[in-house]
Amino acid sequence: MSTQLHSTALLLFLRNEQDEARYKPLAGSQKGSAALFRQFNRYAIKQARRTGLPLFVIQGDQQVGATFGERLANAYQSVFELGYERVIAIGNDCPELSTGLLLQAAGALEQHGLVLGPTQDGGTYLIGLQRSDFDHAAFANLPWQTDTVYEALQALAGGGVAVLSTSFDIDRPGTLSRQFWRLPLVLRRALSRLMGQESGAVFQVQWRPFHLTLLRSLGLRAPPFAACL
């Protein structure tokens, strides 16, 4: 690993699980959705820790600001103030985000002022910034949580931009249903266990129609294997 990567930190920026469940009711119930996001959080943390890079998790009440943009900008600022020259922010809603992809982003950020992981809906699943290219006010005022934020971020890139592969984020039940077999194997197994838990009856009832719909759409054929990096 390049010695320059010691000046790079990862930032996992999250709502708390209950708020996430209210904002994105993926499982049809708050209890089920919160259980699902706990699994997503664990997976994201595991992938981040495996990079060997410093990881900062800023979640829920730890976030400061009146808007999403202000909270994210303040989170970046807090890590830069610890002395890091490069910060890569991720969330928990892109299950294809792997250790290998995070290391690829860290390497690209050594040569570019901005690294972006675009999503299919015009957003981003990863934003890497150099301290010298970080403008707090401009960053906070971007059109966050819209389908134009990716384009707006590119326009801020004073030191050049590196673009990673396009992926998807899970922000609604339909996306989870369509992309289920693209999830890493460890996540598919975890969600299957949640579906089968007797103590999680509400979650199981909500998920059973989703599971059967998947089987019907696949014609009962064996699913393709999704590699877990």
C-alpha atoms as a PDB file:
ATOM      1  CA  MET A   1       0.000   0.000   0.000  1.00  0.00           C
ATOM      2  CA  SER A   2       1.296   3.454  -0.861  1.00  0.00           C
ATOM      3  CA  THR A   3       2.542   5.438   2.120  1.00  0.00           C
ATOM      4  CA  GLN A   4       0.342   8.281   0.884  1.00  0.00           C
ATOM      5  CA  LEU A   5      -2.716   6.242   1.781  1.00  0.00           C
ATOM      6  CA  HIS A   6      -1.903   6.788   5.451  1.00  0.00           C
ATOM      7  CA  SER A   7      -3.231  10.318   4.885  1.00  0.00           C
ATOM      8  CA  THR A   8      -6.517   8.921   3.552  1.00  0.00           C
ATOM      9  CA  ALA A   9      -9.493   8.201   5.808  1.00  0.00           C
ATOM     10  CA  LEU A  10     -12.874   6.594   5.224  1.00  0.00           C
ATOM     11  CA  LEU A  11     -16.057   8.277   6.423  1.00  0.00           C
ATOM     12  CA  LEU A  12     -19.192   6.189   6.883  1.00  0.00           C
ATOM     13  CA  PHE A  13     -22.071   8.661   7.020  1.00  0.00           C
ATOM     14  CA  LEU A  14     -25.314   7.149   8.311  1.00  0.00           C
ATOM     15  CA  ARG A  15     -28.711   7.864   9.777  1.00  0.00           C
ATOM     16  CA  ASN A  16     -29.481   5.831  12.860  1.00  0.00           C
ATOM     17  CA  GLU A  17     -31.281   2.608  11.978  1.00  0.00           C
ATOM     18  CA  GLN A  18     -34.706   3.710  13.221  1.00  0.00           C
ATOM     19  CA  ASP A  19     -34.610   6.923  11.182  1.00  0.00           C
ATOM     20  CA  GLU A  20     -33.343   4.990   8.178  1.00  0.00           C
ATOM     21  CA  ALA A  21     -36.252   2.577   8.514  1.00  0.00           C
ATOM     22  CA  ARG A  22     -38.754   5.467   8.561  1.00  0.00           C
ATOM     23  CA  TYR A  23     -37.140   7.176   5.587  1.00  0.00           C
ATOM     24  CA  LYS A  24     -36.669   3.966   3.550  1.00  0.00           C
ATOM     25  CA  PRO A  25     -39.315   1.372   4.601  1.00  0.00           C
ATOM     26  CA  LEU A  26     -37.757  -1.401   2.538  1.00  0.00           C
ATOM     27  CA  ALA A  27     -39.257  -4.309   4.449  1.00  0.00           C
ATOM     28  CA  GLY A  28     -42.784  -2.929   4.796  1.00  0.00           C
ATOM     29  CA  SER A  29     -42.465  -2.418   8.554  1.00  0.00           C
ATOM     30  CA  GLN A  30     -40.193  -0.293  10.690  1.00  0.00           C
ATOM     31  CA  LYS A  31     -38.985  -3.284  12.676  1.00  0.00           C
ATOM     32  CA  GLY A  32     -38.093  -5.233   9.557  1.00  0.00           C
ATOM     33  CA  SER A  33     -36.481  -2.271   7.843  1.00  0.00           C
ATOM     34  CA  ALA A  34     -34.340  -1.467  10.893  1.00  0.00           C
ATOM     35  CA  ALA A  35     -33.175  -5.103  11.009  1.00  0.00           C
ATOM     36  CA  LEU A  36     -32.268  -4.909   7.334  1.00  0.00           C
ATOM     37  CA  PHE A  37     -30.264  -1.705   7.766  1.00  0.00           C
ATOM     38  CA  ARG A  38     -28.367  -3.224  10.689  1.00  0.00           C
ATOM     39  CA  GLN A  39     -27.137  -5.862   8.262  1.00  0.00           C
ATOM     40  CA  PHE A  40     -26.224  -3.234   5.666  1.00  0.00           C
ATOM     41  CA  ASN A  41     -24.326  -1.237   8.308  1.00  0.00           C
ATOM     42  CA  ARG A  42     -22.365  -4.289   9.455  1.00  0.00           C
ATOM     43  CA  TYR A  43     -21.457  -5.140   5.898  1.00  0.00           C
ATOM     44  CA  ALA A  44     -20.273  -1.607   5.067  1.00  0.00           C
ATOM     45  CA  ILE A  45     -18.180  -1.425   8.246  1.00  0.00           C
ATOM     46  CA  LYS A  46     -16.601  -4.807   7.535  1.00  0.00           C
ATOM     47  CA  GLN A  47     -15.643  -3.828   3.976  1.00  0.00           C
ATOM     48  CA  ALA A  48     -14.212  -0.514   5.181  1.00  0.00           C
ATOM     49  CA  ARG A  49     -12.167  -2.055   8.010  1.00  0.00           C
ATOM     50  CA  ARG A  50     -10.636  -4.613   5.678  1.00  0.00           C
ATOM     51  CA  THR A  51      -8.943  -1.804   3.719  1.00  0.00           C
ATOM     52  CA  GLY A  52      -6.693  -1.005   6.667  1.00  0.00           C
ATOM     53  CA  LEU A  53      -7.550   2.685   6.286  1.00  0.00           C
ATOM     54  CA  PRO A  54      -8.742   4.742   9.268  1.00  0.00           C
ATOM     55  CA  LEU A  55     -12.530   4.604   9.509  1.00  0.00           C
ATOM     56  CA  PHE A  56     -14.787   7.232  11.062  1.00  0.00           C
ATOM     57  CA  VAL A  57     -18.481   6.480  11.534  1.00  0.00           C
ATOM     58  CA  ILE A  58     -20.663   9.576  11.939  1.00  0.00           C
ATOM     59  CA  GLN A  59     -24.222   8.523  12.619  1.00  0.00           C
ATOM     60  CA  GLY A  60     -27.491  10.027  13.749  1.00  0.00           C
ATOM     61  CA  ASP A  61     -27.091  12.618  16.514  1.00  0.00           C
ATOM     62  CA  GLN A  62     -23.345  12.881  15.848  1.00  0.00           C
ATOM     63  CA  GLN A  63     -24.167  14.761  12.646  1.00  0.00           C
ATOM     64  CA  VAL A  64     -24.270  18.554  12.882  1.00  0.00           C
ATOM     65  CA  GLY A  65     -26.237  20.862  10.573  1.00  0.00           C
ATOM     66  CA  ALA A  66     -29.722  21.874   9.496  1.00  0.00           C
ATOM     67  CA  THR A  67     -29.642  20.176   6.073  1.00  0.00           C
ATOM     68  CA  PHE A  68     -28.185  16.986   4.645  1.00  0.00           C
ATOM     69  CA  GLY A  69     -25.573  19.023   2.776  1.00  0.00           C
ATOM     70  CA  GLU A  70     -24.504  20.887   5.900  1.00  0.00           C
ATOM     71  CA  ARG A  71     -24.282  17.677   7.908  1.00  0.00           C
ATOM     72  CA  LEU A  72     -22.160  15.923   5.283  1.00  0.00           C
ATOM     73  CA  ALA A  73     -19.910  18.957   4.771  1.00  0.00           C
ATOM     74  CA  ASN A  74     -19.392  19.228   8.529  1.00  0.00           C
ATOM     75  CA  ALA A  75     -18.550  15.526   8.714  1.00  0.00           C
ATOM     76  CA  TYR A  76     -15.865  15.949   6.052  1.00  0.00           C
ATOM     77  CA  GLN A  77     -14.548  19.031   7.826  1.00  0.00           C
ATOM     78  CA  SER A  78     -14.279  17.170  11.145  1.00  0.00           C
ATOM     79  CA  VAL A  79     -12.093  14.454   9.571  1.00  0.00           C
ATOM     80  CA  PHE A  80      -9.938  16.933   7.636  1.00  0.00           C
ATOM     81  CA  GLU A  81      -9.334  18.796  10.902  1.00  0.00           C
ATOM     82  CA  LEU A  82      -7.801  15.626  12.336  1.00  0.00           C
ATOM     83  CA  GLY A  83      -4.994  16.001   9.806  1.00  0.00           C
ATOM     84  CA  TYR A  84      -6.094  13.772   6.914  1.00  0.00           C
ATOM     85  CA  GLU A  85      -5.444  15.029   3.394  1.00  0.00           C
ATOM     86  CA  ARG A  86      -8.033  12.824   1.667  1.00  0.00           C
ATOM     87  CA  VAL A  87     -11.452  11.632   2.843  1.00  0.00           C
ATOM     88  CA  ILE A  88     -13.694   9.067   1.134  1.00  0.00           C
ATOM     89  CA  ALA A  89     -17.343   9.152   2.219  1.00  0.00           C
ATOM     90  CA  ILE A  90     -19.663   6.191   1.768  1.00  0.00           C
ATOM     91  CA  GLY A  91     -23.105   5.169   2.989  1.00  0.00           C
ATOM     92  CA  ASN A  92     -24.738   1.833   3.679  1.00  0.00           C
ATOM     93  CA  ASP A  93     -27.085   1.602   0.698  1.00  0.00           C
ATOM     94  CA  CYS A  94     -24.726   0.309  -2.022  1.00  0.00           C
ATOM     95  CA  PRO A  95     -24.138  -3.390  -1.257  1.00  0.00           C
ATOM     96  CA  GLU A  96     -21.785  -3.741  -4.242  1.00  0.00           C
ATOM     97  CA  LEU A  97     -19.284  -1.482  -2.483  1.00  0.00           C
ATOM     98  CA  SER A  98     -16.351  -3.770  -1.653  1.00  0.00           C
ATOM     99  CA  THR A  99     -12.948  -3.546   0.007  1.00  0.00           C
ATOM    100  CA  GLY A 100     -11.339  -3.720  -3.417  1.00  0.00           C
ATOM    101  CA  LEU A 101     -13.415  -0.833  -4.736  1.00  0.00           C
ATOM    102  CA  LEU A 102     -12.592   1.289  -1.690  1.00  0.00           C
ATOM    103  CA  LEU A 103      -8.868   0.690  -2.220  1.00  0.00           C
ATOM    104  CA  GLN A 104      -9.283   1.554  -5.900  1.00  0.00           C
ATOM    105  CA  ALA A 105     -10.913   4.835  -4.856  1.00  0.00           C
ATOM    106  CA  ALA A 106      -8.118   5.556  -2.385  1.00  0.00           C
ATOM    107  CA  GLY A 107      -5.499   5.032  -5.081  1.00  0.00           C
ATOM    108  CA  ALA A 108      -7.346   7.266  -7.542  1.00  0.00           C
ATOM    109  CA  LEU A 109      -7.670   9.993  -4.919  1.00  0.00           C
ATOM    110  CA  GLU A 110      -3.874  10.286  -4.762  1.00  0.00           C
ATOM    111  CA  GLN A 111      -3.935  11.616  -8.339  1.00  0.00           C
ATOM    112  CA  HIS A 112      -7.272  13.464  -8.500  1.00  0.00           C
ATOM    113  CA  GLY A 113      -9.045  16.077  -6.443  1.00  0.00           C
ATOM    114  CA  LEU A 114     -12.331  14.184  -6.572  1.00  0.00           C
ATOM    115  CA  VAL A 115     -13.340  10.530  -6.935  1.00  0.00           C
ATOM    116  CA  LEU A 116     -16.969   9.623  -7.599  1.00  0.00           C
ATOM    117  CA  GLY A 117     -18.923   6.393  -7.601  1.00  0.00           C
ATOM    118  CA  PRO A 118     -22.063   7.148  -9.635  1.00  0.00           C
ATOM    119  CA  THR A 119     -25.395   5.403  -9.191  1.00  0.00           C
ATOM    120  CA  GLN A 120     -27.896   4.574 -11.888  1.00  0.00           C
ATOM    121  CA  ASP A 121     -30.345   7.207 -10.640  1.00  0.00           C
ATOM    122  CA  GLY A 122     -28.002  10.206 -10.907  1.00  0.00           C
ATOM    123  CA  GLY A 123     -26.658  10.062  -7.367  1.00  0.00           C
ATOM    124  CA  THR A 124     -23.423   8.749  -5.881  1.00  0.00           C
ATOM    125  CA  TYR A 125     -22.458   5.860  -3.616  1.00  0.00           C
ATOM    126  CA  LEU A 126     -18.942   7.179  -2.925  1.00  0.00           C
ATOM    127  CA  ILE A 127     -17.369  10.646  -2.809  1.00  0.00           C
ATOM    128  CA  GLY A 128     -13.636  11.022  -2.292  1.00  0.00           C
ATOM    129  CA  LEU A 129     -12.238  14.517  -1.742  1.00  0.00           C
ATOM    130  CA  GLN A 130      -8.793  16.039  -1.365  1.00  0.00           C
ATOM    131  CA  ARG A 131      -8.547  18.632   1.386  1.00  0.00           C
ATOM    132  CA  SER A 132      -7.244  21.202  -1.115  1.00  0.00           C
ATOM    133  CA  ASP A 133     -10.351  20.740  -3.297  1.00  0.00           C
ATOM    134  CA  PHE A 134     -12.874  20.910  -0.446  1.00  0.00           C
ATOM    135  CA  ASP A 135     -15.029  24.044  -0.402  1.00  0.00           C
ATOM    136  CA  HIS A 136     -17.346  23.695   2.598  1.00  0.00           C
ATOM    137  CA  ALA A 137     -19.980  26.221   1.493  1.00  0.00           C
ATOM    138  CA  ALA A 138     -20.134  25.066  -2.137  1.00  0.00           C
ATOM    139  CA  PHE A 139     -20.270  21.416  -1.071  1.00  0.00           C
ATOM    140  CA  ALA A 140     -23.036  21.995   1.496  1.00  0.00           C
ATOM    141  CA  ASN A 141     -25.206  23.799  -1.072  1.00  0.00           C
ATOM    142  CA  LEU A 142     -25.161  21.131  -3.774  1.00  0.00           C
ATOM    143  CA  PRO A 143     -28.561  19.648  -4.800  1.00  0.00           C
ATOM    144  CA  TRP A 144     -28.252  16.713  -2.431  1.00  0.00           C
ATOM    145  CA  GLN A 145     -30.739  13.817  -2.560  1.00  0.00           C
ATOM    146  CA  THR A 146     -31.713  14.654  -6.151  1.00  0.00           C
ATOM    147  CA  ASP A 147     -30.931  13.034  -9.496  1.00  0.00           C
ATOM    148  CA  THR A 148     -28.604  15.903 -10.450  1.00  0.00           C
ATOM    149  CA  VAL A 149     -26.097  15.714  -7.590  1.00  0.00           C
ATOM    150  CA  TYR A 150     -23.598  13.613  -9.566  1.00  0.00           C
ATOM    151  CA  GLU A 151     -23.411  16.235 -12.325  1.00  0.00           C
ATOM    152  CA  ALA A 152     -23.172  19.024  -9.755  1.00  0.00           C
ATOM    153  CA  LEU A 153     -20.270  17.285  -7.997  1.00  0.00           C
ATOM    154  CA  GLN A 154     -18.368  16.909 -11.249  1.00  0.00           C
ATOM    155  CA  ALA A 155     -18.642  20.653 -11.811  1.00  0.00           C
ATOM    156  CA  LEU A 156     -16.821  21.255  -8.492  1.00  0.00           C
ATOM    157  CA  ALA A 157     -13.755  19.207  -9.448  1.00  0.00           C
ATOM    158  CA  GLY A 158     -10.911  21.688  -9.580  1.00  0.00           C
ATOM    159  CA  GLY A 159      -8.185  19.039  -9.405  1.00  0.00           C
ATOM    160  CA  GLY A 160      -9.707  16.589 -11.856  1.00  0.00           C
ATOM    161  CA  VAL A 161     -12.189  13.790 -11.272  1.00  0.00           C
ATOM    162  CA  ALA A 162     -11.848  10.012 -11.356  1.00  0.00           C
ATOM    163  CA  VAL A 163     -15.042   8.018 -11.923  1.00  0.00           C
ATOM    164  CA  LEU A 164     -15.551   4.488 -10.609  1.00  0.00           C
ATOM    165  CA  SER A 165     -17.932   1.901 -12.024  1.00  0.00           C
ATOM    166  CA  THR A 166     -21.653   2.720 -11.944  1.00  0.00           C
ATOM    167  CA  SER A 167     -23.636   0.805  -9.356  1.00  0.00           C
ATOM    168  CA  PHE A 168     -27.049   0.925  -7.699  1.00  0.00           C
ATOM    169  CA  ASP A 169     -28.247   2.054  -4.307  1.00  0.00           C
ATOM    170  CA  ILE A 170     -31.082   0.474  -2.377  1.00  0.00           C
ATOM    171  CA  ASP A 171     -33.503   3.243  -1.513  1.00  0.00           C
ATOM    172  CA  ARG A 172     -36.883   1.602  -2.165  1.00  0.00           C
ATOM    173  CA  PRO A 173     -38.423  -1.891  -1.959  1.00  0.00           C
ATOM    174  CA  GLY A 174     -38.579  -2.287  -5.724  1.00  0.00           C
ATOM    175  CA  THR A 175     -34.825  -1.786  -6.048  1.00  0.00           C
ATOM    176  CA  LEU A 176     -34.117  -4.385  -3.387  1.00  0.00           C
ATOM    177  CA  SER A 177     -36.454  -6.824  -5.099  1.00  0.00           C
ATOM    178  CA  ARG A 178     -34.870  -6.336  -8.535  1.00  0.00           C
ATOM    179  CA  GLN A 179     -31.272  -6.399  -7.327  1.00  0.00           C
ATOM    180  CA  PHE A 180     -31.511  -9.129  -4.697  1.00  0.00           C
ATOM    181  CA  TRP A 181     -29.344 -11.636  -6.577  1.00  0.00           C
ATOM    182  CA  ARG A 182     -26.673  -8.983  -7.150  1.00  0.00           C
ATOM    183  CA  LEU A 183     -26.155  -8.638  -3.410  1.00  0.00           C
ATOM    184  CA  PRO A 184     -22.967 -10.193  -2.003  1.00  0.00           C
ATOM    185  CA  LEU A 185     -23.510 -13.737  -0.788  1.00  0.00           C
ATOM    186  CA  VAL A 186     -22.988 -12.798   2.853  1.00  0.00           C
ATOM    187  CA  LEU A 187     -25.805 -10.236   2.642  1.00  0.00           C
ATOM    188  CA  ARG A 188     -28.162 -12.631   0.867  1.00  0.00           C
ATOM    189  CA  ARG A 189     -27.591 -15.196   3.611  1.00  0.00           C
ATOM    190  CA  ALA A 190     -28.118 -12.616   6.349  1.00  0.00           C
ATOM    191  CA  LEU A 191     -31.389 -11.445   4.812  1.00  0.00           C
ATOM    192  CA  SER A 192     -32.537 -15.034   4.395  1.00  0.00           C
ATOM    193  CA  ARG A 193     -31.913 -15.654   8.091  1.00  0.00           C
ATOM    194  CA  LEU A 194     -33.953 -12.562   8.939  1.00  0.00           C
ATOM    195  CA  MET A 195     -36.803 -13.877   6.812  1.00  0.00           C
ATOM    196  CA  GLY A 196     -36.795 -17.158   8.681  1.00  0.00           C
ATOM    197  CA  GLN A 197     -36.564 -15.889  12.251  1.00  0.00           C
ATOM    198  CA  GLU A 198     -39.571 -16.956  14.305  1.00  0.00           C
ATOM    199  CA  SER A 199     -39.108 -13.980  16.625  1.00  0.00           C
ATOM    200  CA  GLY A 200     -39.249 -11.625  13.661  1.00  0.00           C
ATOM    201  CA  ALA A 201     -42.761 -12.544  12.557  1.00  0.00           C
ATOM    202  CA  VAL A 202     -43.554  -9.051  11.286  1.00  0.00           C
ATOM    203  CA  PHE A 203     -40.423  -9.056   9.169  1.00  0.00           C
ATOM    204  CA  GLN A 204     -41.114 -12.557   7.871  1.00  0.00           C
ATOM    205  CA  VAL A 205     -44.686 -11.751   6.836  1.00  0.00           C
ATOM    206  CA  GLN A 206     -43.533  -8.646   4.985  1.00  0.00           C
ATOM    207  CA  TRP A 207     -40.738 -10.438   3.177  1.00  0.00           C
ATOM    208  CA  ARG A 208     -42.480 -13.637   2.116  1.00  0.00           C
ATOM    209  CA  PRO A 209     -44.369 -12.071  -0.832  1.00  0.00           C
ATOM    210  CA  PHE A 210     -41.147 -10.396  -1.952  1.00  0.00           C
ATOM    211  CA  HIS A 211     -39.299 -13.724  -1.882  1.00  0.00           C
ATOM    212  CA  LEU A 212     -41.992 -15.528  -3.854  1.00  0.00           C
ATOM    213  CA  THR A 213     -42.134 -12.712  -6.385  1.00  0.00           C
ATOM    214  CA  LEU A 214     -38.424 -13.144  -6.969  1.00  0.00           C
ATOM    215  CA  LEU A 215     -38.816 -16.872  -7.562  1.00  0.00           C
ATOM    216  CA  ARG A 216     -41.640 -16.319 -10.040  1.00  0.00           C
ATOM    217  CA  SER A 217     -39.668 -13.659 -11.920  1.00  0.00           C
ATOM    218  CA  LEU A 218     -36.676 -15.997 -12.196  1.00  0.00           C
ATOM    219  CA  GLY A 219     -38.774 -18.893 -13.395  1.00  0.00           C
ATOM    220  CA  LEU A 220     -37.472 -21.039 -10.486  1.00  0.00           C
ATOM    221  CA  ARG A 221     -34.046 -21.205 -12.115  1.00  0.00           C
ATOM    222  CA  ALA A 222     -30.882 -21.146 -10.029  1.00  0.00           C
ATOM    223  CA  PRO A 223     -29.693 -17.572  -9.436  1.00  0.00           C
ATOM    224  CA  PRO A 224     -26.368 -16.306 -10.769  1.00  0.00           C
ATOM    225  CA  PHE A 225     -23.555 -16.294  -8.211  1.00  0.00           C
ATOM    226  CA  ALA A 226     -22.581 -12.889  -6.841  1.00  0.00           C
ATOM    227  CA  ALA A 227     -18.934 -12.703  -5.816  1.00  0.00           C
ATOM    228  CA  CYS A 228     -18.176 -11.281  -2.383  1.00  0.00           C
ATOM    229  CA  LEU A 229     -14.845  -9.452  -2.505  1.00  0.00           C
END
